[in-house]
């Protein structure tokens, strides 16, 4: 634009056409506004080489779409607002594969995904409609390997193996009670440690899930404590004996 005033007289209030083409000084098309062959409106910006670099369109199904491309014409960002409300943004690599995405669902769930070249999500950050955040990490085989979640019910961390089984977990409840468990390859709990209300406990289980060792204490320093050993058929319980002055002595 020259910036000089142009006094050509009245300007038409309405101009109607199926397509508008904006050209530069060399006559190259740099912007297109029109109706595509599919019948939906689109606005396209082109670079000096004629590559489409930005596209804004309204598709036949009612979705609004924004696309941004690199100098080579490869689309690297794709944003969509669906006709029914949800929105999503995808970031693509040079081969056109989606590698990261952000979306908001109909129910208000917000999520961010990070994908590999095959489109498999390996990391996902989610905010649920109630505000509870969670983080998932998955292996190349789509097995859940890490889950972290915080809500009104407490905060927890779960670790999984490559077979889809949870092998370790730590959870802190809303009342401050803490719980940790370890599971074997068959997802059977083998060890559990708890701490709540001034007491602590440890459980060790055999491959069938039966308790073989139980160690617990109640109270802050002066509470009772006990150790129980079991072979599955009988149990031996050991606990301190109270002395005359109230102190605990070995039994």
C-alpha atoms as a PDB file:
ATOM      1  CA  UNK A   1       0.000   0.000   0.000  1.00  0.00           C
ATOM      2  CA  UNK A   2       1.296   3.471  -0.899  1.00  0.00           C
ATOM      3  CA  UNK A   3      -0.470   5.255   1.951  1.00  0.00           C
ATOM      4  CA  UNK A   4      -1.646   8.028  -0.391  1.00  0.00           C
ATOM      5  CA  UNK A   5      -5.222   9.227  -0.313  1.00  0.00           C
ATOM      6  CA  UNK A   6      -7.411   7.946  -3.124  1.00  0.00           C
ATOM      7  CA  UNK A   7     -10.387  10.157  -3.923  1.00  0.00           C
ATOM      8  CA  UNK A   8     -12.134   8.079  -6.532  1.00  0.00           C
ATOM      9  CA  UNK A   9     -15.580   8.810  -5.252  1.00  0.00           C
ATOM     10  CA  UNK A  10     -18.194   6.644  -3.541  1.00  0.00           C
ATOM     11  CA  UNK A  11     -17.315   3.020  -2.679  1.00  0.00           C
ATOM     12  CA  UNK A  12     -19.828   0.247  -3.224  1.00  0.00           C
ATOM     13  CA  UNK A  13     -21.285  -0.933   0.086  1.00  0.00           C
ATOM     14  CA  UNK A  14     -21.442  -4.553  -1.058  1.00  0.00           C
ATOM     15  CA  UNK A  15     -19.218  -6.510  -3.433  1.00  0.00           C
ATOM     16  CA  UNK A  16     -20.355 -10.015  -4.336  1.00  0.00           C
ATOM     17  CA  UNK A  17     -18.201 -12.736  -5.860  1.00  0.00           C
ATOM     18  CA  UNK A  18     -17.362 -16.426  -5.468  1.00  0.00           C
ATOM     19  CA  UNK A  19     -13.653 -15.761  -5.018  1.00  0.00           C
ATOM     20  CA  UNK A  20     -11.237 -12.929  -4.310  1.00  0.00           C
ATOM     21  CA  UNK A  21      -7.520 -13.119  -5.136  1.00  0.00           C
ATOM     22  CA  UNK A  22      -4.990 -10.709  -3.629  1.00  0.00           C
ATOM     23  CA  UNK A  23      -1.772 -10.394  -5.669  1.00  0.00           C
ATOM     24  CA  UNK A  24       1.578  -8.763  -4.942  1.00  0.00           C
ATOM     25  CA  UNK A  25       3.490  -6.364  -7.218  1.00  0.00           C
ATOM     26  CA  UNK A  26       4.836  -9.297  -9.252  1.00  0.00           C
ATOM     27  CA  UNK A  27       1.343 -10.603  -9.886  1.00  0.00           C
ATOM     28  CA  UNK A  28       1.716 -13.604  -7.564  1.00  0.00           C
ATOM     29  CA  UNK A  29      -1.363 -14.732  -5.661  1.00  0.00           C
ATOM     30  CA  UNK A  30      -0.741 -14.143  -1.942  1.00  0.00           C
ATOM     31  CA  UNK A  31      -4.241 -14.473  -0.467  1.00  0.00           C
ATOM     32  CA  UNK A  32      -7.412 -16.256  -1.514  1.00  0.00           C
ATOM     33  CA  UNK A  33     -10.915 -15.799  -0.173  1.00  0.00           C
ATOM     34  CA  UNK A  34     -13.673 -17.842  -1.666  1.00  0.00           C
ATOM     35  CA  UNK A  35     -15.870 -20.916  -1.764  1.00  0.00           C
ATOM     36  CA  UNK A  36     -14.000 -24.199  -2.146  1.00  0.00           C
ATOM     37  CA  UNK A  37     -15.044 -26.977  -4.521  1.00  0.00           C
ATOM     38  CA  UNK A  38     -16.676 -28.740  -1.579  1.00  0.00           C
ATOM     39  CA  UNK A  39     -18.899 -25.713  -1.032  1.00  0.00           C
ATOM     40  CA  UNK A  40     -17.404 -24.394   2.223  1.00  0.00           C
ATOM     41  CA  UNK A  41     -15.805 -20.941   2.628  1.00  0.00           C
ATOM     42  CA  UNK A  42     -12.034 -20.661   3.056  1.00  0.00           C
ATOM     43  CA  UNK A  43      -9.361 -17.997   3.485  1.00  0.00           C
ATOM     44  CA  UNK A  44      -5.837 -18.934   2.399  1.00  0.00           C
ATOM     45  CA  UNK A  45      -2.509 -17.097   2.721  1.00  0.00           C
ATOM     46  CA  UNK A  46       0.325 -18.065   0.357  1.00  0.00           C
ATOM     47  CA  UNK A  47       4.045 -17.327   0.390  1.00  0.00           C
ATOM     48  CA  UNK A  48       6.125 -16.093  -2.558  1.00  0.00           C
ATOM     49  CA  UNK A  49       6.538 -19.670  -3.805  1.00  0.00           C
ATOM     50  CA  UNK A  50       2.794 -20.206  -3.886  1.00  0.00           C
ATOM     51  CA  UNK A  51       2.760 -22.531  -0.869  1.00  0.00           C
ATOM     52  CA  UNK A  52      -0.253 -22.411   1.393  1.00  0.00           C
ATOM     53  CA  UNK A  53       1.022 -21.203   4.771  1.00  0.00           C
ATOM     54  CA  UNK A  54      -2.213 -20.420   6.610  1.00  0.00           C
ATOM     55  CA  UNK A  55      -5.748 -21.638   6.053  1.00  0.00           C
ATOM     56  CA  UNK A  56      -8.973 -20.716   7.796  1.00  0.00           C
ATOM     57  CA  UNK A  57     -12.017 -22.681   6.682  1.00  0.00           C
ATOM     58  CA  UNK A  58     -15.495 -23.744   7.652  1.00  0.00           C
ATOM     59  CA  UNK A  59     -16.003 -27.373   6.685  1.00  0.00           C
ATOM     60  CA  UNK A  60     -19.145 -29.117   5.447  1.00  0.00           C
ATOM     61  CA  UNK A  61     -19.822 -30.673   8.868  1.00  0.00           C
ATOM     62  CA  UNK A  62     -19.764 -27.248  10.529  1.00  0.00           C
ATOM     63  CA  UNK A  63     -16.276 -27.523  12.053  1.00  0.00           C
ATOM     64  CA  UNK A  64     -14.098 -24.405  11.986  1.00  0.00           C
ATOM     65  CA  UNK A  65     -10.497 -25.264  11.059  1.00  0.00           C
ATOM     66  CA  UNK A  66      -7.236 -23.323  11.206  1.00  0.00           C
ATOM     67  CA  UNK A  67      -4.077 -24.728   9.626  1.00  0.00           C
ATOM     68  CA  UNK A  68      -0.530 -23.345   9.641  1.00  0.00           C
ATOM     69  CA  UNK A  69       2.233 -24.756   7.448  1.00  0.00           C
ATOM     70  CA  UNK A  70       6.008 -24.484   7.165  1.00  0.00           C
ATOM     71  CA  UNK A  71       7.841 -22.931   4.206  1.00  0.00           C
ATOM     72  CA  UNK A  72       7.758 -26.330   2.491  1.00  0.00           C
ATOM     73  CA  UNK A  73       3.982 -26.437   2.658  1.00  0.00           C
ATOM     74  CA  UNK A  74       3.887 -29.096   5.401  1.00  0.00           C
ATOM     75  CA  UNK A  75       1.123 -28.414   7.887  1.00  0.00           C
ATOM     76  CA  UNK A  76       2.573 -28.188  11.401  1.00  0.00           C
ATOM     77  CA  UNK A  77      -0.427 -26.882  13.339  1.00  0.00           C
ATOM     78  CA  UNK A  78      -4.049 -27.896  13.002  1.00  0.00           C
ATOM     79  CA  UNK A  79      -6.749 -26.355  15.194  1.00  0.00           C
ATOM     80  CA  UNK A  80     -10.390 -27.377  15.132  1.00  0.00           C
ATOM     81  CA  UNK A  81     -13.520 -26.101  16.827  1.00  0.00           C
ATOM     82  CA  UNK A  82     -16.221 -28.677  16.304  1.00  0.00           C
ATOM     83  CA  UNK A  83     -19.754 -27.660  15.508  1.00  0.00           C
ATOM     84  CA  UNK A  84     -20.941 -29.126  18.828  1.00  0.00           C
ATOM     85  CA  UNK A  85     -18.454 -27.076  20.853  1.00  0.00           C
ATOM     86  CA  UNK A  86     -15.242 -29.013  21.726  1.00  0.00           C
ATOM     87  CA  UNK A  87     -11.924 -27.575  20.541  1.00  0.00           C
ATOM     88  CA  UNK A  88      -8.558 -29.182  19.873  1.00  0.00           C
ATOM     89  CA  UNK A  89      -5.108 -28.161  18.651  1.00  0.00           C
ATOM     90  CA  UNK A  90      -2.594 -30.578  17.105  1.00  0.00           C
ATOM     91  CA  UNK A  91       1.117 -29.977  16.540  1.00  0.00           C
ATOM     92  CA  UNK A  92       2.620 -32.012  13.685  1.00  0.00           C
ATOM     93  CA  UNK A  93       6.159 -32.958  12.673  1.00  0.00           C
ATOM     94  CA  UNK A  94       7.745 -32.549   9.240  1.00  0.00           C
ATOM     95  CA  UNK A  95       6.180 -35.808   8.059  1.00  0.00           C
ATOM     96  CA  UNK A  96       2.721 -34.572   8.995  1.00  0.00           C
ATOM     97  CA  UNK A  97       2.309 -36.865  12.013  1.00  0.00           C
ATOM     98  CA  UNK A  98       0.600 -35.398  15.082  1.00  0.00           C
ATOM     99  CA  UNK A  99       3.120 -35.282  17.958  1.00  0.00           C
ATOM    100  CA  UNK A 100       1.295 -33.167  20.543  1.00  0.00           C
ATOM    101  CA  UNK A 101      -2.295 -32.174  21.070  1.00  0.00           C
ATOM    102  CA  UNK A 102      -4.523 -30.115  23.320  1.00  0.00           C
ATOM    103  CA  UNK A 103      -8.274 -30.522  23.592  1.00  0.00           C
ATOM    104  CA  UNK A 104     -11.320 -29.597  25.659  1.00  0.00           C
ATOM    105  CA  UNK A 105     -14.191 -32.081  25.713  1.00  0.00           C
ATOM    106  CA  UNK A 106     -17.930 -31.542  25.794  1.00  0.00           C
ATOM    107  CA  UNK A 107     -17.949 -32.265  29.537  1.00  0.00           C
ATOM    108  CA  UNK A 108     -15.218 -29.679  30.178  1.00  0.00           C
ATOM    109  CA  UNK A 109     -12.322 -32.143  30.479  1.00  0.00           C
ATOM    110  CA  UNK A 110      -9.048 -30.535  29.344  1.00  0.00           C
ATOM    111  CA  UNK A 111      -6.169 -32.701  28.157  1.00  0.00           C
ATOM    112  CA  UNK A 112      -2.691 -32.438  26.660  1.00  0.00           C
ATOM    113  CA  UNK A 113      -1.219 -35.441  24.806  1.00  0.00           C
ATOM    114  CA  UNK A 114       2.327 -36.126  23.605  1.00  0.00           C
ATOM    115  CA  UNK A 115       2.553 -38.776  20.868  1.00  0.00           C
ATOM    116  CA  UNK A 116       5.193 -40.746  18.991  1.00  0.00           C
ATOM    117  CA  UNK A 117       5.492 -40.842  15.201  1.00  0.00           C
ATOM    118  CA  UNK A 118       2.847 -43.561  14.982  1.00  0.00           C
ATOM    119  CA  UNK A 119       0.342 -41.396  16.820  1.00  0.00           C
ATOM    120  CA  UNK A 120       0.437 -43.340  20.106  1.00  0.00           C
ATOM    121  CA  UNK A 121       0.088 -41.113  23.170  1.00  0.00           C
ATOM    122  CA  UNK A 122       2.958 -41.690  25.632  1.00  0.00           C
ATOM    123  CA  UNK A 123       2.168 -38.866  28.037  1.00  0.00           C
ATOM    124  CA  UNK A 124      -1.187 -37.337  28.913  1.00  0.00           C
ATOM    125  CA  UNK A 125      -2.028 -34.509  31.290  1.00  0.00           C
ATOM    126  CA  UNK A 126      -5.719 -34.213  32.137  1.00  0.00           C
ATOM    127  CA  UNK A 127      -7.841 -31.831  34.190  1.00  0.00           C
ATOM    128  CA  UNK A 128     -11.230 -33.364  34.965  1.00  0.00           C
ATOM    129  CA  UNK A 129     -14.419 -31.258  35.061  1.00  0.00           C
ATOM    130  CA  UNK A 130     -14.270 -31.280  38.867  1.00  0.00           C
ATOM    131  CA  UNK A 131     -10.717 -29.906  38.802  1.00  0.00           C
ATOM    132  CA  UNK A 132      -8.798 -33.115  39.599  1.00  0.00           C
ATOM    133  CA  UNK A 133      -5.496 -33.274  37.661  1.00  0.00           C
ATOM    134  CA  UNK A 134      -3.864 -36.492  36.504  1.00  0.00           C
ATOM    135  CA  UNK A 135      -0.744 -37.472  34.576  1.00  0.00           C
ATOM    136  CA  UNK A 136      -0.345 -40.689  32.594  1.00  0.00           C
ATOM    137  CA  UNK A 137       2.777 -42.088  30.948  1.00  0.00           C
ATOM    138  CA  UNK A 138       2.617 -45.120  28.651  1.00  0.00           C
ATOM    139  CA  UNK A 139       5.159 -47.381  26.960  1.00  0.00           C
ATOM    140  CA  UNK A 140       5.540 -47.915  23.211  1.00  0.00           C
ATOM    141  CA  UNK A 141       3.144 -50.844  23.616  1.00  0.00           C
ATOM    142  CA  UNK A 142       0.499 -48.525  25.115  1.00  0.00           C
ATOM    143  CA  UNK A 143       0.890 -50.087  28.577  1.00  0.00           C
ATOM    144  CA  UNK A 144       0.286 -47.742  31.505  1.00  0.00           C
ATOM    145  CA  UNK A 145       3.621 -47.234  33.293  1.00  0.00           C
ATOM    146  CA  UNK A 146       2.895 -44.213  35.495  1.00  0.00           C
ATOM    147  CA  UNK A 147      -0.283 -42.622  36.810  1.00  0.00           C
ATOM    148  CA  UNK A 148      -0.414 -39.639  39.140  1.00  0.00           C
ATOM    149  CA  UNK A 149      -3.725 -38.209  40.310  1.00  0.00           C
ATOM    150  CA  UNK A 150      -4.860 -35.659  42.880  1.00  0.00           C
ATOM    151  CA  UNK A 151      -8.482 -35.205  43.941  1.00  0.00           C
ATOM    152  CA  UNK A 152     -10.673 -34.663  46.987  1.00  0.00           C
ATOM    153  CA  UNK A 153     -10.271 -38.379  47.710  1.00  0.00           C
ATOM    154  CA  UNK A 154      -6.499 -37.998  48.050  1.00  0.00           C
ATOM    155  CA  UNK A 155      -3.300 -38.054  46.032  1.00  0.00           C
ATOM    156  CA  UNK A 156      -1.827 -41.184  44.520  1.00  0.00           C
ATOM    157  CA  UNK A 157       0.977 -42.498  42.354  1.00  0.00           C
ATOM    158  CA  UNK A 158       0.744 -45.847  40.550  1.00  0.00           C
ATOM    159  CA  UNK A 159       3.579 -47.620  38.691  1.00  0.00           C
ATOM    160  CA  UNK A 160       2.885 -50.329  36.112  1.00  0.00           C
ATOM    161  CA  UNK A 161       4.951 -52.924  34.300  1.00  0.00           C
ATOM    162  CA  UNK A 162       5.004 -53.692  30.605  1.00  0.00           C
ATOM    163  CA  UNK A 163       2.129 -56.170  30.965  1.00  0.00           C
ATOM    164  CA  UNK A 164      -0.519 -53.688  32.083  1.00  0.00           C
ATOM    165  CA  UNK A 165      -0.286 -54.596  35.788  1.00  0.00           C
ATOM    166  CA  UNK A 166       0.097 -52.113  38.651  1.00  0.00           C
ATOM    167  CA  UNK A 167       3.243 -53.127  40.559  1.00  0.00           C
ATOM    168  CA  UNK A 168       3.642 -50.291  43.078  1.00  0.00           C
ATOM    169  CA  UNK A 169       1.353 -47.618  44.499  1.00  0.00           C
ATOM    170  CA  UNK A 170       1.502 -44.794  47.009  1.00  0.00           C
ATOM    171  CA  UNK A 171      -1.630 -43.016  48.218  1.00  0.00           C
ATOM    172  CA  UNK A 172      -2.324 -40.274  50.748  1.00  0.00           C
ATOM    173  CA  UNK A 173      -5.973 -39.876  51.723  1.00  0.00           C
ATOM    174  CA  UNK A 174      -7.821 -36.654  52.555  1.00  0.00           C
ATOM    175  CA  UNK A 175      -7.394 -37.372  56.292  1.00  0.00           C
ATOM    176  CA  UNK A 176      -3.617 -37.704  55.934  1.00  0.00           C
ATOM    177  CA  UNK A 177      -3.487 -41.505  56.038  1.00  0.00           C
ATOM    178  CA  UNK A 178      -0.629 -42.827  53.886  1.00  0.00           C
ATOM    179  CA  UNK A 179      -0.540 -46.215  52.176  1.00  0.00           C
ATOM    180  CA  UNK A 180       2.125 -47.896  50.033  1.00  0.00           C
ATOM    181  CA  UNK A 181       1.915 -51.300  48.379  1.00  0.00           C
ATOM    182  CA  UNK A 182       4.104 -53.525  46.222  1.00  0.00           C
ATOM    183  CA  UNK A 183       2.674 -56.202  43.929  1.00  0.00           C
ATOM    184  CA  UNK A 184       4.247 -59.127  42.073  1.00  0.00           C
ATOM    185  CA  UNK A 185       4.017 -59.867  38.355  1.00  0.00           C
ATOM    186  CA  UNK A 186       0.575 -61.421  38.917  1.00  0.00           C
ATOM    187  CA  UNK A 187      -0.653 -58.171  40.511  1.00  0.00           C
ATOM    188  CA  UNK A 188      -0.919 -59.843  43.945  1.00  0.00           C
ATOM    189  CA  UNK A 189      -0.091 -57.520  46.829  1.00  0.00           C
ATOM    190  CA  UNK A 190       3.072 -58.768  48.532  1.00  0.00           C
ATOM    191  CA  UNK A 191       3.972 -55.852  50.820  1.00  0.00           C
ATOM    192  CA  UNK A 192       1.987 -52.983  52.282  1.00  0.00           C
ATOM    193  CA  UNK A 193       2.988 -50.126  54.567  1.00  0.00           C
ATOM    194  CA  UNK A 194       0.462 -47.846  56.260  1.00  0.00           C
ATOM    195  CA  UNK A 195       0.683 -44.787  58.479  1.00  0.00           C
ATOM    196  CA  UNK A 196      -2.434 -43.208  59.935  1.00  0.00           C
ATOM    197  CA  UNK A 197      -3.720 -41.789  63.200  1.00  0.00           C
ATOM    198  CA  UNK A 198      -0.371 -42.087  64.968  1.00  0.00           C
ATOM    199  CA  UNK A 199      -0.023 -45.766  64.094  1.00  0.00           C
ATOM    200  CA  UNK A 200       2.017 -47.629  61.523  1.00  0.00           C
ATOM    201  CA  UNK A 201       1.707 -51.049  59.998  1.00  0.00           C
ATOM    202  CA  UNK A 202       3.617 -53.405  57.737  1.00  0.00           C
ATOM    203  CA  UNK A 203       2.205 -56.479  56.016  1.00  0.00           C
ATOM    204  CA  UNK A 204       4.134 -59.107  54.056  1.00  0.00           C
ATOM    205  CA  UNK A 205       2.192 -61.660  52.016  1.00  0.00           C
ATOM    206  CA  UNK A 206       3.055 -64.919  50.275  1.00  0.00           C
ATOM    207  CA  UNK A 207       2.440 -65.528  46.521  1.00  0.00           C
ATOM    208  CA  UNK A 208      -1.154 -66.500  47.315  1.00  0.00           C
ATOM    209  CA  UNK A 209      -1.793 -63.158  49.000  1.00  0.00           C
ATOM    210  CA  UNK A 210      -1.974 -64.556  52.543  1.00  0.00           C
ATOM    211  CA  UNK A 211      -0.414 -62.501  55.341  1.00  0.00           C
ATOM    212  CA  UNK A 212       2.773 -64.098  56.711  1.00  0.00           C
ATOM    213  CA  UNK A 213       4.270 -61.158  58.616  1.00  0.00           C
ATOM    214  CA  UNK A 214       2.382 -58.317  60.294  1.00  0.00           C
ATOM    215  CA  UNK A 215       4.060 -55.551  62.247  1.00  0.00           C
ATOM    216  CA  UNK A 216       2.083 -52.704  63.755  1.00  0.00           C
ATOM    217  CA  UNK A 217       2.121 -49.993  66.375  1.00  0.00           C
ATOM    218  CA  UNK A 218      -0.536 -47.627  67.713  1.00  0.00           C
ATOM    219  CA  UNK A 219       0.008 -44.308  69.437  1.00  0.00           C
ATOM    220  CA  UNK A 220       2.825 -41.793  69.616  1.00  0.00           C
ATOM    221  CA  UNK A 221       5.665 -43.503  71.454  1.00  0.00           C
ATOM    222  CA  UNK A 222       3.659 -45.089  74.291  1.00  0.00           C
ATOM    223  CA  UNK A 223       1.168 -47.079  72.207  1.00  0.00           C
ATOM    224  CA  UNK A 224       1.033 -50.829  71.797  1.00  0.00           C
ATOM    225  CA  UNK A 225       2.994 -52.619  69.100  1.00  0.00           C
ATOM    226  CA  UNK A 226       2.946 -56.224  67.927  1.00  0.00           C
ATOM    227  CA  UNK A 227       4.625 -58.591  65.514  1.00  0.00           C
ATOM    228  CA  UNK A 228       2.712 -61.546  64.085  1.00  0.00           C
ATOM    229  CA  UNK A 229       4.320 -64.388  62.158  1.00  0.00           C
ATOM    230  CA  UNK A 230       2.228 -66.947  60.281  1.00  0.00           C
ATOM    231  CA  UNK A 231       2.950 -70.097  58.292  1.00  0.00           C
ATOM    232  CA  UNK A 232      -0.591 -70.269  56.934  1.00  0.00           C
ATOM    233  CA  UNK A 233      -1.769 -72.834  59.489  1.00  0.00           C
ATOM    234  CA  UNK A 234      -0.826 -71.180  62.770  1.00  0.00           C
ATOM    235  CA  UNK A 235       0.387 -67.792  63.962  1.00  0.00           C
ATOM    236  CA  UNK A 236       2.840 -66.529  66.559  1.00  0.00           C
ATOM    237  CA  UNK A 237       2.173 -63.100  68.050  1.00  0.00           C
ATOM    238  CA  UNK A 238       4.867 -61.129  69.852  1.00  0.00           C
ATOM    239  CA  UNK A 239       4.175 -57.916  71.737  1.00  0.00           C
ATOM    240  CA  UNK A 240       5.815 -55.949  74.583  1.00  0.00           C
ATOM    241  CA  UNK A 241       4.746 -56.621  78.165  1.00  0.00           C
ATOM    242  CA  UNK A 242       3.858 -53.634  80.323  1.00  0.00           C
ATOM    243  CA  UNK A 243       6.067 -53.131  83.392  1.00  0.00           C
ATOM    244  CA  UNK A 244       4.753 -51.888  86.727  1.00  0.00           C
ATOM    245  CA  UNK A 245       5.665 -48.279  85.854  1.00  0.00           C
ATOM    246  CA  UNK A 246       3.830 -48.504  82.540  1.00  0.00           C
ATOM    247  CA  UNK A 247       6.941 -48.877  80.395  1.00  0.00           C
ATOM    248  CA  UNK A 248       7.096 -51.523  77.703  1.00  0.00           C
ATOM    249  CA  UNK A 249       9.592 -54.334  78.213  1.00  0.00           C
ATOM    250  CA  UNK A 250      10.421 -57.272  75.977  1.00  0.00           C
ATOM    251  CA  UNK A 251       8.242 -60.333  76.486  1.00  0.00           C
END
